[in-house]
Amino acid sequence: MSTIEYHYQTMGGILSHLVGAGLSRINFDDSDAMDIMTIASAMRKKSGGYAFHGIQLTSKGIAIIQTKPKDPELGESIEKKLAEPGNTDAATYTKIGAFVGGVIAGGIRTLSG
């Protein structure tokens, strides 16, 4: 797996966790974060663990997960795909991360263009 594929997979895992929480603000602690990602550059706490505070979906995030992906394997939307039981494997997370990254990059190109 390439580094970018790994990062897409991580983005998909984080997004899945956020979709499961709805609009609630959540904190990722060591156990949550490491279940989702194993990137060494994550924010380190002084005690040596990892911390991600106040993570939540925004209105833009909700719009992205409700958008119809071009990849037919992702179904009608990311939101619906993540709600399906048994569809949270690494390949799915990678595709979700790539899709979300592409949507964000497209928005940046629009704003700068």
PDB file of N, CA and C in Angstrom:
ATOM      1  N   MET A   1       0.850  -1.172   0.000  1.00  0.00           N
ATOM      2  CA  MET A   1       0.000   0.000   0.000  1.00  0.00           C
ATOM      3  C   MET A   1       0.894   1.233   0.000  1.00  0.00           C
ATOM      4  N   SER A   2       0.555   2.179  -0.855  1.00  0.00           N
ATOM      5  CA  SER A   2       1.327   3.421  -0.901  1.00  0.00           C
ATOM      6  C   SER A   2       0.980   4.294   0.301  1.00  0.00           C
ATOM      7  N   THR A   3       1.803   5.299   0.548  1.00  0.00           N
ATOM      8  CA  THR A   3       1.557   6.217   1.651  1.00  0.00           C
ATOM      9  C   THR A   3       0.241   6.953   1.460  1.00  0.00           C
ATOM     10  N   ILE A   4      -0.046   7.408   0.243  1.00  0.00           N
ATOM     11  CA  ILE A   4      -1.289   8.144   0.012  1.00  0.00           C
ATOM     12  C   ILE A   4      -2.496   7.231   0.211  1.00  0.00           C
ATOM     13  N   GLU A   5      -2.416   5.987  -0.206  1.00  0.00           N
ATOM     14  CA  GLU A   5      -3.513   5.046   0.034  1.00  0.00           C
ATOM     15  C   GLU A   5      -3.733   4.835   1.526  1.00  0.00           C
ATOM     16  N   TYR A   6      -2.647   4.758   2.279  1.00  0.00           N
ATOM     17  CA  TYR A   6      -2.744   4.610   3.729  1.00  0.00           C
ATOM     18  C   TYR A   6      -3.428   5.832   4.342  1.00  0.00           C
ATOM     19  N   HIS A   7      -3.093   7.003   3.855  1.00  0.00           N
ATOM     20  CA  HIS A   7      -3.709   8.222   4.376  1.00  0.00           C
ATOM     21  C   HIS A   7      -5.182   8.301   3.983  1.00  0.00           C
ATOM     22  N   TYR A   8      -5.520   7.871   2.770  1.00  0.00           N
ATOM     23  CA  TYR A   8      -6.925   7.808   2.371  1.00  0.00           C
ATOM     24  C   TYR A   8      -7.685   6.849   3.290  1.00  0.00           C
ATOM     25  N   GLN A   9      -7.078   5.710   3.578  1.00  0.00           N
ATOM     26  CA  GLN A   9      -7.699   4.727   4.464  1.00  0.00           C
ATOM     27  C   GLN A   9      -7.925   5.336   5.847  1.00  0.00           C
ATOM     28  N   THR A  10      -6.943   6.077   6.339  1.00  0.00           N
ATOM     29  CA  THR A  10      -7.065   6.736   7.641  1.00  0.00           C
ATOM     30  C   THR A  10      -8.183   7.766   7.619  1.00  0.00           C
ATOM     31  N   MET A  11      -8.255   8.579   6.552  1.00  0.00           N
ATOM     32  CA  MET A  11      -9.331   9.569   6.427  1.00  0.00           C
ATOM     33  C   MET A  11     -10.691   8.884   6.426  1.00  0.00           C
ATOM     34  N   GLY A  12     -10.802   7.775   5.709  1.00  0.00           N
ATOM     35  CA  GLY A  12     -12.058   7.032   5.675  1.00  0.00           C
ATOM     36  C   GLY A  12     -12.439   6.502   7.041  1.00  0.00           C
ATOM     37  N   GLY A  13     -11.464   6.003   7.798  1.00  0.00           N
ATOM     38  CA  GLY A  13     -11.729   5.498   9.143  1.00  0.00           C
ATOM     39  C   GLY A  13     -12.176   6.592  10.087  1.00  0.00           C
ATOM     40  N   ILE A  14     -11.532   7.730  10.011  1.00  0.00           N
ATOM     41  CA  ILE A  14     -11.902   8.862  10.863  1.00  0.00           C
ATOM     42  C   ILE A  14     -13.303   9.342  10.498  1.00  0.00           C
ATOM     43  N   LEU A  15     -13.581   9.453   9.203  1.00  0.00           N
ATOM     44  CA  LEU A  15     -14.897   9.889   8.764  1.00  0.00           C
ATOM     45  C   LEU A  15     -15.975   8.913   9.228  1.00  0.00           C
ATOM     46  N   SER A  16     -15.693   7.629   9.157  1.00  0.00           N
ATOM     47  CA  SER A  16     -16.645   6.629   9.630  1.00  0.00           C
ATOM     48  C   SER A  16     -16.956   6.831  11.107  1.00  0.00           C
ATOM     49  N   HIS A  17     -15.934   7.076  11.892  1.00  0.00           N
ATOM     50  CA  HIS A  17     -16.106   7.317  13.328  1.00  0.00           C
ATOM     51  C   HIS A  17     -16.947   8.570  13.566  1.00  0.00           C
ATOM     52  N   LEU A  18     -16.708   9.619  12.789  1.00  0.00           N
ATOM     53  CA  LEU A  18     -17.462  10.866  12.937  1.00  0.00           C
ATOM     54  C   LEU A  18     -18.913  10.701  12.514  1.00  0.00           C
ATOM     55  N   VAL A  19     -19.143   9.968  11.434  1.00  0.00           N
ATOM     56  CA  VAL A  19     -20.518   9.727  10.985  1.00  0.00           C
ATOM     57  C   VAL A  19     -21.281   8.973  12.068  1.00  0.00           C
ATOM     58  N   GLY A  20     -20.616   8.021  12.707  1.00  0.00           N
ATOM     59  CA  GLY A  20     -21.247   7.276  13.793  1.00  0.00           C
ATOM     60  C   GLY A  20     -21.615   8.156  14.972  1.00  0.00           C
ATOM     61  N   ALA A  21     -20.891   9.243  15.172  1.00  0.00           N
ATOM     62  CA  ALA A  21     -21.165  10.157  16.284  1.00  0.00           C
ATOM     63  C   ALA A  21     -22.184  11.227  15.923  1.00  0.00           C
ATOM     64  N   GLY A  22     -22.538  11.328  14.654  1.00  0.00           N
ATOM     65  CA  GLY A  22     -23.486  12.363  14.234  1.00  0.00           C
ATOM     66  C   GLY A  22     -22.868  13.736  14.362  1.00  0.00           C
ATOM     67  N   LEU A  23     -23.617  14.673  14.919  1.00  0.00           N
ATOM     68  CA  LEU A  23     -23.122  16.045  15.071  1.00  0.00           C
ATOM     69  C   LEU A  23     -22.467  16.280  16.424  1.00  0.00           C
ATOM     70  N   SER A  24     -22.376  15.247  17.235  1.00  0.00           N
ATOM     71  CA  SER A  24     -21.757  15.394  18.551  1.00  0.00           C
ATOM     72  C   SER A  24     -20.272  15.672  18.425  1.00  0.00           C
ATOM     73  N   ARG A  25     -19.766  16.525  19.309  1.00  0.00           N
ATOM     74  CA  ARG A  25     -18.317  16.729  19.402  1.00  0.00           C
ATOM     75  C   ARG A  25     -17.765  15.557  20.188  1.00  0.00           C
ATOM     76  N   ILE A  26     -16.682  15.005  19.700  1.00  0.00           N
ATOM     77  CA  ILE A  26     -16.082  13.873  20.389  1.00  0.00           C
ATOM     78  C   ILE A  26     -14.596  14.117  20.573  1.00  0.00           C
ATOM     79  N   ASN A  27     -14.033  13.427  21.504  1.00  0.00           N
ATOM     80  CA  ASN A  27     -12.593  13.438  21.714  1.00  0.00           C
ATOM     81  C   ASN A  27     -12.072  12.046  21.399  1.00  0.00           C
ATOM     82  N   PHE A  28     -11.033  11.989  20.625  1.00  0.00           N
ATOM     83  CA  PHE A  28     -10.355  10.728  20.396  1.00  0.00           C
ATOM     84  C   PHE A  28      -9.265  10.615  21.439  1.00  0.00           C
ATOM     85  N   ASP A  29      -9.228   9.515  22.143  1.00  0.00           N
ATOM     86  CA  ASP A  29      -8.099   9.279  23.036  1.00  0.00           C
ATOM     87  C   ASP A  29      -7.222   8.211  22.400  1.00  0.00           C
ATOM     88  N   ASP A  30      -6.245   7.739  23.144  1.00  0.00           N
ATOM     89  CA  ASP A  30      -5.316   6.748  22.595  1.00  0.00           C
ATOM     90  C   ASP A  30      -6.038   5.562  21.970  1.00  0.00           C
ATOM     91  N   SER A  31      -6.999   5.000  22.686  1.00  0.00           N
ATOM     92  CA  SER A  31      -7.650   3.794  22.186  1.00  0.00           C
ATOM     93  C   SER A  31      -8.474   4.076  20.936  1.00  0.00           C
ATOM     94  N   ASP A  32      -9.216   5.190  20.905  1.00  0.00           N
ATOM     95  CA  ASP A  32      -9.998   5.532  19.721  1.00  0.00           C
ATOM     96  C   ASP A  32      -9.101   5.819  18.529  1.00  0.00           C
ATOM     97  N   ALA A  33      -8.134   6.685  18.746  1.00  0.00           N
ATOM     98  CA  ALA A  33      -7.268   7.103  17.650  1.00  0.00           C
ATOM     99  C   ALA A  33      -6.487   5.931  17.075  1.00  0.00           C
ATOM    100  N   MET A  34      -5.961   5.095  17.921  1.00  0.00           N
ATOM    101  CA  MET A  34      -5.121   4.010  17.419  1.00  0.00           C
ATOM    102  C   MET A  34      -5.944   2.893  16.802  1.00  0.00           C
ATOM    103  N   ASP A  35      -7.247   2.823  17.117  1.00  0.00           N
ATOM    104  CA  ASP A  35      -8.118   1.894  16.402  1.00  0.00           C
ATOM    105  C   ASP A  35      -8.288   2.338  14.965  1.00  0.00           C
ATOM    106  N   ILE A  36      -8.215   3.644  14.735  1.00  0.00           N
ATOM    107  CA  ILE A  36      -8.450   4.214  13.412  1.00  0.00           C
ATOM    108  C   ILE A  36      -7.152   4.401  12.636  1.00  0.00           C
ATOM    109  N   MET A  37      -6.122   4.851  13.296  1.00  0.00           N
ATOM    110  CA  MET A  37      -4.910   5.207  12.575  1.00  0.00           C
ATOM    111  C   MET A  37      -3.662   4.834  13.357  1.00  0.00           C
ATOM    112  N   THR A  38      -2.592   4.662  12.643  1.00  0.00           N
ATOM    113  CA  THR A  38      -1.314   4.369  13.289  1.00  0.00           C
ATOM    114  C   THR A  38      -0.229   5.302  12.763  1.00  0.00           C
ATOM    115  N   ILE A  39      -0.624   6.526  12.411  1.00  0.00           N
ATOM    116  CA  ILE A  39       0.349   7.489  11.897  1.00  0.00           C
ATOM    117  C   ILE A  39       1.126   8.071  13.065  1.00  0.00           C
ATOM    118  N   ALA A  40       2.433   7.977  13.043  1.00  0.00           N
ATOM    119  CA  ALA A  40       3.286   8.415  14.151  1.00  0.00           C
ATOM    120  C   ALA A  40       3.259   9.918  14.359  1.00  0.00           C
ATOM    121  N   SER A  41       2.860  10.671  13.344  1.00  0.00           N
ATOM    122  CA  SER A  41       2.890  12.125  13.487  1.00  0.00           C
ATOM    123  C   SER A  41       1.609  12.694  14.085  1.00  0.00           C
ATOM    124  N   ALA A  42       0.726  11.860  14.586  1.00  0.00           N
ATOM    125  CA  ALA A  42      -0.490  12.361  15.243  1.00  0.00           C
ATOM    126  C   ALA A  42      -0.098  13.198  16.449  1.00  0.00           C
ATOM    127  N   MET A  43      -0.993  14.080  16.862  1.00  0.00           N
ATOM    128  CA  MET A  43      -0.690  14.971  17.980  1.00  0.00           C
ATOM    129  C   MET A  43      -0.364  14.171  19.237  1.00  0.00           C
ATOM    130  N   ARG A  44       0.804  14.390  19.806  1.00  0.00           N
ATOM    131  CA  ARG A  44       1.220  13.658  20.992  1.00  0.00           C
ATOM    132  C   ARG A  44       0.975  14.484  22.242  1.00  0.00           C
ATOM    133  N   LYS A  45       0.418  13.844  23.258  1.00  0.00           N
ATOM    134  CA  LYS A  45       0.248  14.501  24.551  1.00  0.00           C
ATOM    135  C   LYS A  45       1.583  14.442  25.285  1.00  0.00           C
ATOM    136  N   LYS A  46       1.739  15.309  26.283  1.00  0.00           N
ATOM    137  CA  LYS A  46       2.972  15.318  27.063  1.00  0.00           C
ATOM    138  C   LYS A  46       3.207  13.992  27.772  1.00  0.00           C
ATOM    139  N   SER A  47       2.140  13.281  28.090  1.00  0.00           N
ATOM    140  CA  SER A  47       2.283  11.997  28.777  1.00  0.00           C
ATOM    141  C   SER A  47       2.730  10.891  27.832  1.00  0.00           C
ATOM    142  N   GLY A  48       2.856  11.199  26.559  1.00  0.00           N
ATOM    143  CA  GLY A  48       3.328  10.217  25.594  1.00  0.00           C
ATOM    144  C   GLY A  48       2.228   9.578  24.779  1.00  0.00           C
ATOM    145  N   GLY A  49       0.959   9.852  25.096  1.00  0.00           N
ATOM    146  CA  GLY A  49      -0.151   9.298  24.340  1.00  0.00           C
ATOM    147  C   GLY A  49      -0.576  10.228  23.219  1.00  0.00           C
ATOM    148  N   TYR A  50      -1.686   9.929  22.632  1.00  0.00           N
ATOM    149  CA  TYR A  50      -2.222  10.742  21.544  1.00  0.00           C
ATOM    150  C   TYR A  50      -3.530  11.382  21.980  1.00  0.00           C
ATOM    151  N   ALA A  51      -3.828  12.582  21.485  1.00  0.00           N
ATOM    152  CA  ALA A  51      -5.081  13.246  21.826  1.00  0.00           C
ATOM    153  C   ALA A  51      -5.597  14.035  20.629  1.00  0.00           C
ATOM    154  N   PHE A  52      -6.869  13.911  20.385  1.00  0.00           N
ATOM    155  CA  PHE A  52      -7.559  14.663  19.342  1.00  0.00           C
ATOM    156  C   PHE A  52      -8.824  15.189  19.997  1.00  0.00           C
ATOM    157  N   HIS A  53      -8.923  16.487  20.252  1.00  0.00           N
ATOM    158  CA  HIS A  53     -10.027  17.050  21.023  1.00  0.00           C
ATOM    159  C   HIS A  53     -10.996  17.832  20.144  1.00  0.00           C
ATOM    160  N   GLY A  54     -12.274  17.722  20.480  1.00  0.00           N
ATOM    161  CA  GLY A  54     -13.298  18.523  19.815  1.00  0.00           C
ATOM    162  C   GLY A  54     -13.497  18.200  18.351  1.00  0.00           C
ATOM    163  N   ILE A  55     -13.368  16.940  17.986  1.00  0.00           N
ATOM    164  CA  ILE A  55     -13.544  16.527  16.593  1.00  0.00           C
ATOM    165  C   ILE A  55     -15.044  16.405  16.312  1.00  0.00           C
ATOM    166  N   GLN A  56     -15.500  16.951  15.192  1.00  0.00           N
ATOM    167  CA  GLN A  56     -16.896  16.792  14.815  1.00  0.00           C
ATOM    168  C   GLN A  56     -17.073  17.072  13.334  1.00  0.00           C
ATOM    169  N   LEU A  57     -18.176  16.567  12.784  1.00  0.00           N
ATOM    170  CA  LEU A  57     -18.533  16.879  11.410  1.00  0.00           C
ATOM    171  C   LEU A  57     -19.023  18.317  11.339  1.00  0.00           C
ATOM    172  N   THR A  58     -18.658  18.997  10.273  1.00  0.00           N
ATOM    173  CA  THR A  58     -19.149  20.354  10.034  1.00  0.00           C
ATOM    174  C   THR A  58     -20.223  20.287   8.947  1.00  0.00           C
ATOM    175  N   SER A  59     -20.821  21.400   8.635  1.00  0.00           N
ATOM    176  CA  SER A  59     -21.828  21.419   7.570  1.00  0.00           C
ATOM    177  C   SER A  59     -21.206  21.005   6.236  1.00  0.00           C
ATOM    178  N   LYS A  60     -19.958  21.382   6.018  1.00  0.00           N
ATOM    179  CA  LYS A  60     -19.280  20.977   4.779  1.00  0.00           C
ATOM    180  C   LYS A  60     -19.023  19.469   4.775  1.00  0.00           C
ATOM    181  N   GLY A  61     -18.661  18.938   5.935  1.00  0.00           N
ATOM    182  CA  GLY A  61     -18.451  17.495   6.048  1.00  0.00           C
ATOM    183  C   GLY A  61     -19.728  16.719   5.783  1.00  0.00           C
ATOM    184  N   ILE A  62     -20.826  17.231   6.301  1.00  0.00           N
ATOM    185  CA  ILE A  62     -22.120  16.582   6.066  1.00  0.00           C
ATOM    186  C   ILE A  62     -22.474  16.636   4.584  1.00  0.00           C
ATOM    187  N   ALA A  63     -22.232  17.767   3.955  1.00  0.00           N
ATOM    188  CA  ALA A  63     -22.502  17.890   2.520  1.00  0.00           C
ATOM    189  C   ALA A  63     -21.669  16.879   1.723  1.00  0.00           C
ATOM    190  N   ILE A  64     -20.433  16.686   2.120  1.00  0.00           N
ATOM    191  CA  ILE A  64     -19.560  15.734   1.415  1.00  0.00           C
ATOM    192  C   ILE A  64     -20.077  14.315   1.583  1.00  0.00           C
ATOM    193  N   ILE A  65     -20.462  13.925   2.799  1.00  0.00           N
ATOM    194  CA  ILE A  65     -20.892  12.533   2.984  1.00  0.00           C
ATOM    195  C   ILE A  65     -22.254  12.258   2.356  1.00  0.00           C
ATOM    196  N   GLN A  66     -22.989  13.318   1.987  1.00  0.00           N
ATOM    197  CA  GLN A  66     -24.270  13.136   1.327  1.00  0.00           C
ATOM    198  C   GLN A  66     -24.169  13.206  -0.199  1.00  0.00           C
ATOM    199  N   THR A  67     -22.991  13.551  -0.711  1.00  0.00           N
ATOM    200  CA  THR A  67     -22.758  13.657  -2.153  1.00  0.00           C
ATOM    201  C   THR A  67     -22.658  12.265  -2.770  1.00  0.00           C
ATOM    202  N   LYS A  68     -23.172  12.104  -3.985  1.00  0.00           N
ATOM    203  CA  LYS A  68     -23.085  10.813  -4.677  1.00  0.00           C
ATOM    204  C   LYS A  68     -21.692  10.645  -5.252  1.00  0.00           C
ATOM    205  N   PRO A  69     -20.969   9.601  -4.814  1.00  0.00           N
ATOM    206  CA  PRO A  69     -19.627   9.354  -5.365  1.00  0.00           C
ATOM    207  C   PRO A  69     -19.698   8.835  -6.801  1.00  0.00           C
ATOM    208  N   LYS A  70     -18.631   9.052  -7.552  1.00  0.00           N
ATOM    209  CA  LYS A  70     -18.556   8.532  -8.914  1.00  0.00           C
ATOM    210  C   LYS A  70     -18.289   7.025  -8.918  1.00  0.00           C
ATOM    211  N   ASP A  71     -17.660   6.508  -7.863  1.00  0.00           N
ATOM    212  CA  ASP A  71     -17.355   5.082  -7.750  1.00  0.00           C
ATOM    213  C   ASP A  71     -18.627   4.328  -7.365  1.00  0.00           C
ATOM    214  N   PRO A  72     -19.148   3.465  -8.257  1.00  0.00           N
ATOM    215  CA  PRO A  72     -20.394   2.762  -7.952  1.00  0.00           C
ATOM    216  C   PRO A  72     -20.297   1.854  -6.714  1.00  0.00           C
ATOM    217  N   GLU A  73     -19.097   1.435  -6.349  1.00  0.00           N
ATOM    218  CA  GLU A  73     -18.936   0.593  -5.166  1.00  0.00           C
ATOM    219  C   GLU A  73     -19.222   1.352  -3.874  1.00  0.00           C
ATOM    220  N   LEU A  74     -19.215   2.681  -3.923  1.00  0.00           N
ATOM    221  CA  LEU A  74     -19.505   3.482  -2.732  1.00  0.00           C
ATOM    222  C   LEU A  74     -20.992   3.791  -2.593  1.00  0.00           C
ATOM    223  N   GLY A  75     -21.800   3.358  -3.564  1.00  0.00           N
ATOM    224  CA  GLY A  75     -23.246   3.495  -3.452  1.00  0.00           C
ATOM    225  C   GLY A  75     -23.749   4.905  -3.661  1.00  0.00           C
ATOM    226  N   GLU A  76     -24.916   5.174  -3.041  1.00  0.00           N
ATOM    227  CA  GLU A  76     -25.590   6.462  -3.219  1.00  0.00           C
ATOM    228  C   GLU A  76     -24.877   7.611  -2.528  1.00  0.00           C
ATOM    229  N   SER A  77     -24.258   7.333  -1.387  1.00  0.00           N
ATOM    230  CA  SER A  77     -23.533   8.354  -0.645  1.00  0.00           C
ATOM    231  C   SER A  77     -22.604   7.673   0.354  1.00  0.00           C
ATOM    232  N   ILE A  78     -21.628   8.418   0.839  1.00  0.00           N
ATOM    233  CA  ILE A  78     -20.715   7.902   1.860  1.00  0.00           C
ATOM    234  C   ILE A  78     -21.502   7.605   3.133  1.00  0.00           C
ATOM    235  N   GLU A  79     -22.425   8.477   3.459  1.00  0.00           N
ATOM    236  CA  GLU A  79     -23.245   8.289   4.662  1.00  0.00           C
ATOM    237  C   GLU A  79     -23.972   6.953   4.627  1.00  0.00           C
ATOM    238  N   LYS A  80     -24.608   6.637   3.502  1.00  0.00           N
ATOM    239  CA  LYS A  80     -25.350   5.378   3.390  1.00  0.00           C
ATOM    240  C   LYS A  80     -24.407   4.180   3.342  1.00  0.00           C
ATOM    241  N   LYS A  81     -23.267   4.340   2.698  1.00  0.00           N
ATOM    242  CA  LYS A  81     -22.295   3.240   2.625  1.00  0.00           C
ATOM    243  C   LYS A  81     -21.803   2.879   4.021  1.00  0.00           C
ATOM    244  N   LEU A  82     -21.508   3.884   4.840  1.00  0.00           N
ATOM    245  CA  LEU A  82     -21.010   3.629   6.186  1.00  0.00           C
ATOM    246  C   LEU A  82     -22.086   3.057   7.097  1.00  0.00           C
ATOM    247  N   ALA A  83     -23.352   3.266   6.752  1.00  0.00           N
ATOM    248  CA  ALA A  83     -24.450   2.736   7.556  1.00  0.00           C
ATOM    249  C   ALA A  83     -24.712   1.254   7.262  1.00  0.00           C
ATOM    250  N   GLU A  84     -24.217   0.765   6.129  1.00  0.00           N
ATOM    251  CA  GLU A  84     -24.413  -0.640   5.775  1.00  0.00           C
ATOM    252  C   GLU A  84     -23.531  -1.522   6.653  1.00  0.00           C
ATOM    253  N   PRO A  85     -24.102  -2.536   7.274  1.00  0.00           N
ATOM    254  CA  PRO A  85     -23.279  -3.424   8.107  1.00  0.00           C
ATOM    255  C   PRO A  85     -22.292  -4.220   7.252  1.00  0.00           C
ATOM    256  N   GLY A  86     -21.085  -4.381   7.767  1.00  0.00           N
ATOM    257  CA  GLY A  86     -20.075  -5.206   7.101  1.00  0.00           C
ATOM    258  C   GLY A  86     -19.340  -4.557   5.950  1.00  0.00           C
ATOM    259  N   ASN A  87     -19.505  -3.269   5.731  1.00  0.00           N
ATOM    260  CA  ASN A  87     -18.849  -2.598   4.605  1.00  0.00           C
ATOM    261  C   ASN A  87     -17.768  -1.632   5.064  1.00  0.00           C
ATOM    262  N   THR A  88     -17.090  -1.964   6.122  1.00  0.00           N
ATOM    263  CA  THR A  88     -16.083  -1.056   6.656  1.00  0.00           C
ATOM    264  C   THR A  88     -14.697  -1.680   6.605  1.00  0.00           C
ATOM    265  N   ASP A  89     -14.371  -2.286   5.487  1.00  0.00           N
ATOM    266  CA  ASP A  89     -13.040  -2.864   5.347  1.00  0.00           C
ATOM    267  C   ASP A  89     -12.046  -1.810   4.877  1.00  0.00           C
ATOM    268  N   ALA A  90     -10.788  -2.172   4.870  1.00  0.00           N
ATOM    269  CA  ALA A  90      -9.726  -1.224   4.524  1.00  0.00           C
ATOM    270  C   ALA A  90      -9.897  -0.653   3.121  1.00  0.00           C
ATOM    271  N   ALA A  91     -10.303  -1.474   2.165  1.00  0.00           N
ATOM    272  CA  ALA A  91     -10.477  -0.995   0.791  1.00  0.00           C
ATOM    273  C   ALA A  91     -11.578   0.063   0.710  1.00  0.00           C
ATOM    274  N   THR A  92     -12.657  -0.140   1.455  1.00  0.00           N
ATOM    275  CA  THR A  92     -13.744   0.838   1.472  1.00  0.00           C
ATOM    276  C   THR A  92     -13.277   2.142   2.083  1.00  0.00           C
ATOM    277  N   TYR A  93     -12.555   2.070   3.204  1.00  0.00           N
ATOM    278  CA  TYR A  93     -12.038   3.280   3.834  1.00  0.00           C
ATOM    279  C   TYR A  93     -11.106   4.031   2.883  1.00  0.00           C
ATOM    280  N   THR A  94     -10.282   3.304   2.145  1.00  0.00           N
ATOM    281  CA  THR A  94      -9.366   3.931   1.190  1.00  0.00           C
ATOM    282  C   THR A  94     -10.146   4.675   0.114  1.00  0.00           C
ATOM    283  N   LYS A  95     -11.190   4.050  -0.417  1.00  0.00           N
ATOM    284  CA  LYS A  95     -12.007   4.696  -1.451  1.00  0.00           C
ATOM    285  C   LYS A  95     -12.727   5.921  -0.895  1.00  0.00           C
ATOM    286  N   ILE A  96     -13.222   5.817   0.322  1.00  0.00           N
ATOM    287  CA  ILE A  96     -13.905   6.948   0.949  1.00  0.00           C
ATOM    288  C   ILE A  96     -12.929   8.109   1.138  1.00  0.00           C
ATOM    289  N   GLY A  97     -11.744   7.817   1.647  1.00  0.00           N
ATOM    290  CA  GLY A  97     -10.737   8.856   1.841  1.00  0.00           C
ATOM    291  C   GLY A  97     -10.335   9.517   0.541  1.00  0.00           C
ATOM    292  N   ALA A  98     -10.179   8.725  -0.522  1.00  0.00           N
ATOM    293  CA  ALA A  98      -9.815   9.282  -1.829  1.00  0.00           C
ATOM    294  C   ALA A  98     -10.929  10.177  -2.355  1.00  0.00           C
ATOM    295  N   PHE A  99     -12.170   9.741  -2.173  1.00  0.00           N
ATOM    296  CA  PHE A  99     -13.307  10.543  -2.619  1.00  0.00           C
ATOM    297  C   PHE A  99     -13.369  11.874  -1.868  1.00  0.00           C
ATOM    298  N   VAL A 100     -13.273  11.810  -0.552  1.00  0.00           N
ATOM    299  CA  VAL A 100     -13.334  13.026   0.269  1.00  0.00           C
ATOM    300  C   VAL A 100     -12.172  13.957  -0.075  1.00  0.00           C
ATOM    301  N   GLY A 101     -10.975  13.405  -0.211  1.00  0.00           N
ATOM    302  CA  GLY A 101      -9.819  14.221  -0.597  1.00  0.00           C
ATOM    303  C   GLY A 101     -10.034  14.898  -1.933  1.00  0.00           C
ATOM    304  N   GLY A 102     -10.632  14.184  -2.879  1.00  0.00           N
ATOM    305  CA  GLY A 102     -10.914  14.757  -4.190  1.00  0.00           C
ATOM    306  C   GLY A 102     -11.936  15.872  -4.135  1.00  0.00           C
ATOM    307  N   VAL A 103     -12.977  15.695  -3.315  1.00  0.00           N
ATOM    308  CA  VAL A 103     -13.999  16.738  -3.168  1.00  0.00           C
ATOM    309  C   VAL A 103     -13.390  17.987  -2.557  1.00  0.00           C
ATOM    310  N   ILE A 104     -12.573  17.800  -1.536  1.00  0.00           N
ATOM    311  CA  ILE A 104     -11.929  18.948  -0.880  1.00  0.00           C
ATOM    312  C   ILE A 104     -10.978  19.644  -1.850  1.00  0.00           C
ATOM    313  N   ALA A 105     -10.193  18.870  -2.578  1.00  0.00           N
ATOM    314  CA  ALA A 105      -9.247  19.456  -3.538  1.00  0.00           C
ATOM    315  C   ALA A 105      -9.997  20.209  -4.639  1.00  0.00           C
ATOM    316  N   GLY A 106     -11.129  19.668  -5.079  1.00  0.00           N
ATOM    317  CA  GLY A 106     -11.942  20.332  -6.094  1.00  0.00           C
ATOM    318  C   GLY A 106     -12.449  21.677  -5.602  1.00  0.00           C
ATOM    319  N   GLY A 107     -12.856  21.730  -4.336  1.00  0.00           N
ATOM    320  CA  GLY A 107     -13.319  22.986  -3.754  1.00  0.00           C
ATOM    321  C   GLY A 107     -12.208  24.011  -3.681  1.00  0.00           C
ATOM    322  N   ILE A 108     -11.015  23.566  -3.347  1.00  0.00           N
ATOM    323  CA  ILE A 108      -9.855  24.480  -3.262  1.00  0.00           C
ATOM    324  C   ILE A 108      -9.520  25.015  -4.653  1.00  0.00           C
ATOM    325  N   ARG A 109      -9.558  24.132  -5.657  1.00  0.00           N
ATOM    326  CA  ARG A 109      -9.272  24.578  -7.031  1.00  0.00           C
ATOM    327  C   ARG A 109     -10.304  25.613  -7.473  1.00  0.00           C
ATOM    328  N   THR A 110     -11.577  25.396  -7.119  1.00  0.00           N
ATOM    329  CA  THR A 110     -12.621  26.348  -7.478  1.00  0.00           C
ATOM    330  C   THR A 110     -12.383  27.700  -6.852  1.00  0.00           C
ATOM    331  N   LEU A 111     -12.011  27.701  -5.567  1.00  0.00           N
ATOM    332  CA  LEU A 111     -11.783  28.966  -4.873  1.00  0.00           C
ATOM    333  C   LEU A 111     -10.567  29.711  -5.394  1.00  0.00           C
ATOM    334  N   SER A 112      -9.525  28.971  -5.810  1.00  0.00           N
ATOM    335  CA  SER A 112      -8.298  29.627  -6.252  1.00  0.00           C
ATOM    336  C   SER A 112      -8.312  29.953  -7.741  1.00  0.00           C
ATOM    337  N   GLY A 113      -9.241  29.374  -8.482  1.00  0.00           N
ATOM    338  CA  GLY A 113      -9.225  29.484  -9.918  1.00  0.00           C
ATOM    339  C   GLY A 113      -9.894  30.650 -10.471  1.00  0.00           C
TER     340      GLY A 113
END
